[in-house]
Amino acid sequence: MKVFVVYPGARSGWELAREGDDASLHFTAKDSAIRYGRCIADANRPSALKIETSYGRVEAAWRFEDAGPARERHRY
C-alpha cells in the first residue's frame, strides 16, 4: 500500500511526499496540500494519506481501499 504524507515544510508551507521517497511537492497552504494529497491517494488505490504535525504526530489520516469512498481513520 502506498502511503502519502502531508507535513510542515522546513521553513514555510507544507510538503506532500510518498513515504520513502526523497522528493516532495511544496504547497503554501495546508488545505491545498491535503486536497492534492487526497486526489493522489485516490488515484493510487490502495493507499493512505496521513497529515502530520511538526512533531511527527498524525493529525488526520484517510485510507483509500480498492473500491468505495475514502474512510477517515482518525482526526484530532
Protein backbone atom coordinates (compact mmCIF):
# COMPACT_ATOMS: atom_id res chain seq x y z
CA MET A 1 0.00 0.00 0.00
CA LYS A 2 1.33 3.43 -0.93
CA VAL A 3 1.33 5.97 1.92
CA PHE A 4 1.34 9.69 1.18
CA VAL A 5 2.22 12.20 3.90
CA VAL A 6 1.48 15.92 4.26
CA TYR A 7 3.82 17.61 6.74
CA PRO A 8 5.04 21.13 7.56
CA GLY A 9 7.88 22.42 5.39
CA ALA A 10 11.28 23.11 6.94
CA ARG A 11 10.96 26.88 6.53
CA SER A 12 7.40 27.54 5.41
CA GLY A 13 4.38 25.97 3.81
CA TRP A 14 3.58 22.28 3.55
CA GLU A 15 5.15 19.29 1.81
CA LEU A 16 3.48 16.26 0.22
CA ALA A 17 5.56 13.14 -0.33
CA ARG A 18 5.14 9.42 -0.77
CA GLU A 19 6.59 7.65 2.27
CA GLY A 20 10.11 6.52 1.48
CA ASP A 21 10.65 8.98 -1.40
CA ASP A 22 13.21 11.78 -1.24
CA ALA A 23 11.26 14.15 -3.50
CA SER A 24 8.26 16.14 -2.29
CA LEU A 25 5.84 18.74 -3.61
CA HIS A 26 5.66 22.12 -1.86
CA PHE A 27 2.41 23.96 -1.10
CA THR A 28 1.95 27.34 0.55
CA ALA A 29 -1.40 26.35 2.11
CA LYS A 30 -2.12 23.25 4.20
CA ASP A 31 -5.59 22.75 2.73
CA SER A 32 -4.16 22.76 -0.82
CA ALA A 33 -1.64 20.07 0.15
CA ILE A 34 -4.38 17.95 1.72
CA ARG A 35 -6.74 18.30 -1.27
CA TYR A 36 -3.99 17.37 -3.73
CA GLY A 37 -2.83 14.53 -1.46
CA ARG A 38 -6.35 13.09 -1.33
CA CYS A 39 -6.54 13.17 -5.14
CA ILE A 40 -3.15 11.45 -5.50
CA ALA A 41 -4.01 8.82 -2.88
CA ASP A 42 -7.40 8.20 -4.50
CA ALA A 43 -5.76 7.74 -7.92
CA ASN A 44 -3.21 5.28 -6.49
CA ARG A 45 -5.52 2.90 -4.60
CA PRO A 46 -4.96 1.03 -2.38
CA SER A 47 -3.26 3.82 -0.48
CA ALA A 48 -3.39 6.08 2.56
CA LEU A 49 -2.89 9.77 3.29
CA LYS A 50 -1.53 11.00 6.62
CA ILE A 51 -1.36 14.57 7.86
CA GLU A 52 1.47 15.10 10.35
CA THR A 53 2.27 17.90 12.78
CA SER A 54 5.71 19.47 13.01
CA TYR A 55 6.43 16.92 15.77
CA GLY A 56 5.61 13.95 13.52
CA ARG A 57 2.31 13.20 15.25
CA VAL A 58 -0.52 12.04 12.97
CA GLU A 59 -3.22 14.71 12.99
CA ALA A 60 -5.56 13.00 10.50
CA ALA A 61 -5.49 10.02 8.15
CA TRP A 62 -7.57 8.56 5.35
CA ARG A 63 -7.45 5.12 3.80
CA PHE A 64 -8.33 4.56 0.16
CA GLU A 65 -9.38 0.95 -0.42
CA ASP A 66 -9.58 -0.82 -3.79
CA ALA A 67 -13.22 0.28 -4.14
CA GLY A 68 -15.62 2.66 -2.46
CA PRO A 69 -15.20 6.06 -0.81
CA ALA A 70 -12.23 7.06 1.34
CA ARG A 71 -12.50 6.16 5.01
CA GLU A 72 -11.30 8.63 7.59
CA ARG A 73 -9.24 6.67 10.11
CA HIS A 74 -8.92 9.34 12.75
CA ARG A 75 -8.83 13.07 13.09
CA TYR A 76 -7.78 15.19 16.04
